[in-house]
C-alpha atoms as a PDB file:
ATOM      1  CA  MET A   1      46.823 -77.274  29.231  1.00  0.00           C
ATOM      2  CA  GLU A   2      46.572 -79.921  31.813  1.00  0.00           C
ATOM      3  CA  ASN A   3      46.852 -77.313  34.526  1.00  0.00           C
ATOM      4  CA  PHE A   4      44.180 -75.316  32.865  1.00  0.00           C
ATOM      5  CA  ASN A   5      41.871 -78.320  32.922  1.00  0.00           C
ATOM      6  CA  GLN A   6      42.669 -78.978  36.550  1.00  0.00           C
ATOM      7  CA  ILE A   7      41.661 -75.413  37.512  1.00  0.00           C
ATOM      8  CA  PHE A   8      38.300 -75.857  35.919  1.00  0.00           C
ATOM      9  CA  SER A   9      37.887 -79.306  37.467  1.00  0.00           C
ATOM     10  CA  LEU A  10      38.580 -77.970  40.920  1.00  0.00           C
ATOM     11  CA  MET A  11      36.058 -75.256  40.444  1.00  0.00           C
ATOM     12  CA  ALA A  12      33.509 -77.709  39.246  1.00  0.00           C
ATOM     13  CA  GLU A  13      33.965 -79.865  42.364  1.00  0.00           C
ATOM     14  CA  GLU A  14      33.212 -76.959  44.666  1.00  0.00           C
ATOM     15  CA  ASP A  15      29.823 -76.490  43.084  1.00  0.00           C
ATOM     16  CA  GLY A  16      30.593 -72.868  42.315  1.00  0.00           C
ATOM     17  CA  PHE A  17      31.451 -71.529  38.970  1.00  0.00           C
ATOM     18  CA  THR A  18      31.335 -74.239  36.357  1.00  0.00           C
ATOM     19  CA  LEU A  19      32.829 -74.010  32.959  1.00  0.00           C
ATOM     20  CA  ASP A  20      33.073 -76.681  30.374  1.00  0.00           C
ATOM     21  CA  PRO A  21      36.695 -77.845  30.316  1.00  0.00           C
ATOM     22  CA  LEU A  22      36.518 -78.456  26.607  1.00  0.00           C
ATOM     23  CA  ILE A  23      36.816 -74.937  25.285  1.00  0.00           C
ATOM     24  CA  LEU A  24      36.771 -75.966  21.652  1.00  0.00           C
ATOM     25  CA  GLU A  25      33.514 -77.774  22.162  1.00  0.00           C
ATOM     26  CA  SER A  26      31.900 -74.874  24.038  1.00  0.00           C
ATOM     27  CA  GLY A  27      32.120 -72.551  21.003  1.00  0.00           C
ATOM     28  CA  VAL A  28      33.685 -69.584  22.796  1.00  0.00           C
ATOM     29  CA  ILE A  29      36.795 -69.790  20.714  1.00  0.00           C
ATOM     30  CA  ASN A  30      34.675 -70.164  17.611  1.00  0.00           C
ATOM     31  CA  ILE A  31      32.783 -66.993  18.421  1.00  0.00           C
ATOM     32  CA  VAL A  32      35.956 -65.032  19.172  1.00  0.00           C
ATOM     33  CA  GLY A  33      37.531 -66.336  15.998  1.00  0.00           C
ATOM     34  CA  LEU A  34      34.503 -65.422  13.992  1.00  0.00           C
ATOM     35  CA  ILE A  35      34.564 -61.880  15.379  1.00  0.00           C
ATOM     36  CA  VAL A  36      38.289 -61.545  14.597  1.00  0.00           C
ATOM     37  CA  ILE A  37      37.754 -62.820  11.049  1.00  0.00           C
ATOM     38  CA  VAL A  38      34.784 -60.511  10.441  1.00  0.00           C
ATOM     39  CA  VAL A  39      36.619 -57.484  11.836  1.00  0.00           C
ATOM     40  CA  THR A  40      39.787 -58.128   9.809  1.00  0.00           C
ATOM     41  CA  THR A  41      37.885 -58.883   6.625  1.00  0.00           C
ATOM     42  CA  ALA A  42      35.324 -56.115   6.865  1.00  0.00           C
ATOM     43  CA  LYS A  43      37.753 -53.654   8.402  1.00  0.00           C
ATOM     44  CA  ASP A  44      38.204 -51.733   5.173  1.00  0.00           C
ATOM     45  CA  SER A  45      34.513 -51.608   4.229  1.00  0.00           C
ATOM     46  CA  ILE A  46      33.395 -50.816   7.819  1.00  0.00           C
ATOM     47  CA  GLY A  47      36.154 -48.179   8.067  1.00  0.00           C
ATOM     48  CA  ALA A  48      35.044 -46.642   4.780  1.00  0.00           C
ATOM     49  CA  MET A  49      31.413 -46.660   5.931  1.00  0.00           C
ATOM     50  CA  LEU A  50      32.359 -45.097   9.260  1.00  0.00           C
ATOM     51  CA  ARG A  51      34.541 -42.479   7.533  1.00  0.00           C
ATOM     52  CA  GLU A  52      31.692 -41.711   5.091  1.00  0.00           C
ATOM     53  CA  ARG A  53      29.239 -41.483   7.973  1.00  0.00           C
ATOM     54  CA  ASN A  54      31.677 -39.256   9.889  1.00  0.00           C
ATOM     55  CA  LYS A  55      32.116 -37.060   6.795  1.00  0.00           C
ATOM     56  CA  THR A  56      28.329 -36.817   6.295  1.00  0.00           C
ATOM     57  CA  ILE A  57      27.770 -35.937   9.946  1.00  0.00           C
ATOM     58  CA  SER A  58      30.555 -33.320   9.805  1.00  0.00           C
ATOM     59  CA  GLU A  59      29.073 -31.789   6.650  1.00  0.00           C
ATOM     60  CA  ASN A  60      25.609 -31.755   8.224  1.00  0.00           C
ATOM     61  CA  VAL A  61      27.017 -30.061  11.323  1.00  0.00           C
ATOM     62  CA  LYS A  62      28.836 -27.473   9.164  1.00  0.00           C
ATOM     63  CA  ASP A  63      25.665 -26.882   7.128  1.00  0.00           C
ATOM     64  CA  ALA A  64      23.693 -26.455  10.334  1.00  0.00           C
ATOM     65  CA  GLU A  65      26.303 -23.997  11.644  1.00  0.00           C
ATOM     66  CA  ASN A  66      26.213 -22.077   8.337  1.00  0.00           C
ATOM     67  CA  ARG A  67      22.418 -21.960   8.414  1.00  0.00           C
ATOM     68  CA  LEU A  68      22.567 -20.829  12.042  1.00  0.00           C
ATOM     69  CA  ASN A  69      25.027 -18.051  11.151  1.00  0.00           C
ATOM     70  CA  GLU A  70      22.908 -17.059   8.160  1.00  0.00           C
ATOM     71  CA  ALA A  71      19.771 -17.046  10.319  1.00  0.00           C
ATOM     72  CA  GLU A  72      21.567 -14.910  12.925  1.00  0.00           C
ATOM     73  CA  ASN A  73      22.662 -12.493  10.173  1.00  0.00           C
ATOM     74  CA  ARG A  74      19.114 -12.300   8.831  1.00  0.00           C
ATOM     75  CA  LEU A  75      17.840 -11.789  12.387  1.00  0.00           C
ATOM     76  CA  ASN A  76      20.326  -8.939  12.900  1.00  0.00           C
ATOM     77  CA  ASP A  77      19.311  -7.410   9.554  1.00  0.00           C
ATOM     78  CA  ALA A  78      15.642  -7.761  10.467  1.00  0.00           C
ATOM     79  CA  GLN A  79      16.284  -6.123  13.847  1.00  0.00           C
ATOM     80  CA  LYS A  80      18.111  -3.254  12.124  1.00  0.00           C
ATOM     81  CA  GLN A  81      15.219  -2.858   9.695  1.00  0.00           C
ATOM     82  CA  LEU A  82      12.773  -2.953  12.602  1.00  0.00           C
ATOM     83  CA  ASN A  83      14.742  -0.244  14.401  1.00  0.00           C
ATOM     84  CA  GLN A  84      14.829   1.834  11.210  1.00  0.00           C
ATOM     85  CA  ALA A  85      11.099   1.288  10.733  1.00  0.00           C
ATOM     86  CA  ASN A  86      10.484   2.390  14.338  1.00  0.00           C
ATOM     87  CA  VAL A  87      12.546   5.539  13.702  1.00  0.00           C
ATOM     88  CA  VAL A  88      10.564   6.225  10.517  1.00  0.00           C
ATOM     89  CA  ILE A  89       7.275   5.579  12.343  1.00  0.00           C
ATOM     90  CA  SER A  90       8.320   7.960  15.129  1.00  0.00           C
ATOM     91  CA  LYS A  91       9.230  10.615  12.544  1.00  0.00           C
ATOM     92  CA  ILE A  92       5.924  10.111  10.744  1.00  0.00           C
ATOM     93  CA  LYS A  93       4.018  10.421  14.028  1.00  0.00           C
ATOM     94  CA  SER A  94       5.964  13.565  14.912  1.00  0.00           C
ATOM     95  CA  ASP A  95       5.380  15.055  11.457  1.00  0.00           C
ATOM     96  CA  THR A  96       1.713  14.106  11.654  1.00  0.00           C
ATOM     97  CA  LEU A  97       1.336  15.875  14.993  1.00  0.00           C
ATOM     98  CA  LYS A  98       3.131  18.964  13.650  1.00  0.00           C
ATOM     99  CA  THR A  99       0.963  18.971  10.531  1.00  0.00           C
ATOM    100  CA  LYS A 100      -2.174  18.492  12.609  1.00  0.00           C
ATOM    101  CA  LYS A 101      -1.141  21.380  14.860  1.00  0.00           C
ATOM    102  CA  LEU A 102      -0.415  23.618  11.862  1.00  0.00           C
ATOM    103  CA  MET A 103      -3.745  22.708  10.271  1.00  0.00           C
ATOM    104  CA  LEU A 104      -5.600  23.449  13.509  1.00  0.00           C
ATOM    105  CA  GLU A 105      -3.787  26.788  13.815  1.00  0.00           C
ATOM    106  CA  ALA A 106      -4.593  27.585  10.187  1.00  0.00           C
ATOM    107  CA  ASP A 107      -8.250  26.675  10.763  1.00  0.00           C
ATOM    108  CA  ALA A 108      -8.298  28.798  13.922  1.00  0.00           C
ATOM    109  CA  ASN A 109      -6.741  31.754  12.084  1.00  0.00           C
ATOM    110  CA  GLU A 110      -9.198  31.344   9.220  1.00  0.00           C
ATOM    111  CA  ALA A 111     -12.120  31.227  11.647  1.00  0.00           C
ATOM    112  CA  LYS A 112     -10.716  34.260  13.484  1.00  0.00           C
ATOM    113  CA  ASN A 113     -10.353  36.209  10.231  1.00  0.00           C
ATOM    114  CA  ASP A 114     -13.838  35.162   9.151  1.00  0.00           C
ATOM    115  CA  LEU A 115     -15.294  36.312  12.477  1.00  0.00           C
ATOM    116  CA  LYS A 116     -13.337  39.581  12.244  1.00  0.00           C
ATOM    117  CA  PHE A 117     -14.664  40.167   8.711  1.00  0.00           C
ATOM    118  CA  ARG A 118     -18.232  39.397   9.772  1.00  0.00           C
ATOM    119  CA  PHE A 119     -17.931  41.633  12.825  1.00  0.00           C
ATOM    120  CA  GLU A 120     -16.569  44.518  10.731  1.00  0.00           C
ATOM    121  CA  ARG A 121     -19.361  44.013   8.209  1.00  0.00           C
ATOM    122  CA  ALA A 122     -21.925  43.964  11.023  1.00  0.00           C
ATOM    123  CA  MET A 123     -20.411  47.142  12.454  1.00  0.00           C
ATOM    124  CA  LEU A 124     -20.653  48.808   9.014  1.00  0.00           C
ATOM    125  CA  VAL A 125     -24.279  47.728   8.677  1.00  0.00           C
ATOM    126  CA  PHE A 126     -24.962  48.956  12.220  1.00  0.00           C
ATOM    127  CA  THR A 127     -23.277  52.330  11.533  1.00  0.00           C
ATOM    128  CA  SER A 128     -25.177  52.655   8.278  1.00  0.00           C
ATOM    129  CA  LYS A 129     -28.489  51.885   9.999  1.00  0.00           C
ATOM    130  CA  GLU A 130     -27.583  54.310  12.786  1.00  0.00           C
ATOM    131  CA  ARG A 131     -26.946  57.131  10.255  1.00  0.00           C
ATOM    132  CA  GLN A 132     -30.095  56.262   8.377  1.00  0.00           C
ATOM    133  CA  ILE A 133     -32.133  56.401  11.593  1.00  0.00           C
ATOM    134  CA  PHE A 134     -30.386  59.655  12.576  1.00  0.00           C
ATOM    135  CA  TYR A 135     -31.285  61.239   9.206  1.00  0.00           C
ATOM    136  CA  GLU A 136     -34.857  59.982   9.432  1.00  0.00           C
ATOM    137  CA  ILE A 137     -35.206  61.406  12.947  1.00  0.00           C
ATOM    138  CA  LYS A 138     -33.604  64.676  11.747  1.00  0.00           C
ATOM    139  CA  GLU A 139     -36.032  64.832   8.840  1.00  0.00           C
ATOM    140  CA  GLN A 140     -38.982  64.147  11.143  1.00  0.00           C
ATOM    141  CA  ILE A 141     -37.815  66.847  13.575  1.00  0.00           C
ATOM    142  CA  THR A 142     -37.233  69.273  10.713  1.00  0.00           C
ATOM    143  CA  SER A 143     -40.609  68.417   9.270  1.00  0.00           C
ATOM    144  CA  LEU A 144     -42.256  68.829  12.679  1.00  0.00           C
ATOM    145  CA  VAL A 145     -40.494  72.177  13.281  1.00  0.00           C
ATOM    146  CA  MET A 146     -41.488  73.387   9.833  1.00  0.00           C
ATOM    147  CA  THR A 147     -45.061  72.292  10.396  1.00  0.00           C
ATOM    148  CA  ARG A 148     -45.214  74.074  13.738  1.00  0.00           C
ATOM    149  CA  THR A 149     -43.519  77.160  12.318  1.00  0.00           C
ATOM    150  CA  VAL A 150     -45.958  77.332   9.425  1.00  0.00           C
ATOM    151  CA  LYS A 151     -48.804  76.855  11.868  1.00  0.00           C
ATOM    152  CA  ARG A 152     -47.532  79.689  14.076  1.00  0.00           C
ATOM    153  CA  VAL A 153     -46.932  81.954  11.126  1.00  0.00           C
ATOM    154  CA  LYS A 154     -50.439  81.301   9.937  1.00  0.00           C
ATOM    155  CA  GLU A 155     -51.764  81.978  13.390  1.00  0.00           C
ATOM    156  CA  THR A 156     -49.697  85.107  13.653  1.00  0.00           C
ATOM    157  CA  PHE A 157     -50.553  86.387  10.202  1.00  0.00           C
ATOM    158  CA  ALA A 158     -54.172  85.313  10.443  1.00  0.00           C
ATOM    159  CA  GLN A 159     -54.775  88.511  12.335  1.00  0.00           C
ATOM    160  CA  GLU A 160     -53.701  90.947   9.650  1.00  0.00           C
ATOM    161  CA  LYS A 161     -54.549  94.088  11.506  1.00  0.00           C
ATOM    162  CA  PRO A 162     -52.167  93.821  14.423  1.00  0.00           C
ATOM    163  CA  THR A 163     -49.458  92.558  12.157  1.00  0.00           C
ATOM    164  CA  ALA A 164     -50.023  95.233   9.601  1.00  0.00           C
ATOM    165  CA  LYS A 165     -50.033  97.790  12.402  1.00  0.00           C
ATOM    166  CA  LEU A 166     -46.781  96.428  13.712  1.00  0.00           C
ATOM    167  CA  ILE A 167     -45.194  96.530  10.282  1.00  0.00           C
ATOM    168  CA  ASN A 168     -46.445 100.053   9.626  1.00  0.00           C
ATOM    169  CA  ASN A 169     -45.233 101.220  13.039  1.00  0.00           C
ATOM    170  CA  THR A 170     -41.854  99.689  12.379  1.00  0.00           C
ATOM    171  CA  ILE A 171     -41.611 101.350   8.996  1.00  0.00           C
ATOM    172  CA  ARG A 172     -42.580 104.704  10.483  1.00  0.00           C
ATOM    173  CA  THR A 173     -40.047 104.469  13.198  1.00  0.00           C
ATOM    174  CA  LEU A 174     -37.443 103.777  10.666  1.00  0.00           C
ATOM    175  CA  GLU A 175     -38.507 106.770   8.569  1.00  0.00           C
ATOM    176  CA  LEU A 176     -38.510 109.277  11.387  1.00  0.00           C
ATOM    177  CA  PRO A 177     -34.881 109.702  12.142  1.00  0.00           C
ATOM    178  CA  SER A 178     -34.060 110.768   8.666  1.00  0.00           C
END
């Protein structure tokens, strides 16, 4: 210990590093001793606390990993459902377009049939009117011819003498060859 004191004395004389040669009075040993006593005495309780803390942290990490896995599974399920929903939406859109096309074709066919029916009906009405007009014209012509014929007959028979002569001459000529 004397050597130890001499080392510190020499250092103190060189005005460099100075340390109190009385270690017990400086309190360094007291502090180290106190730390050793606290660590040895509280070793079990600090160890238990640290183990409990370690266990809690491990459980929290495992729970977080489980929740992460569960969230990933739910995400995968949601993505599958989204894909299925997109497939269903595509099918619905396709079916809607097909139905729309069929309805438009049906409407077009119905309109076409309606126009065909109306055209045929118009043609029947036109043909009927044409016949009616034809018969009316025929009746007017017949009536006109009859009127003119009656007029000519009256004119011809208004002169009874030449007609009577003609009839008598005809009758005589027919009687002669007998």
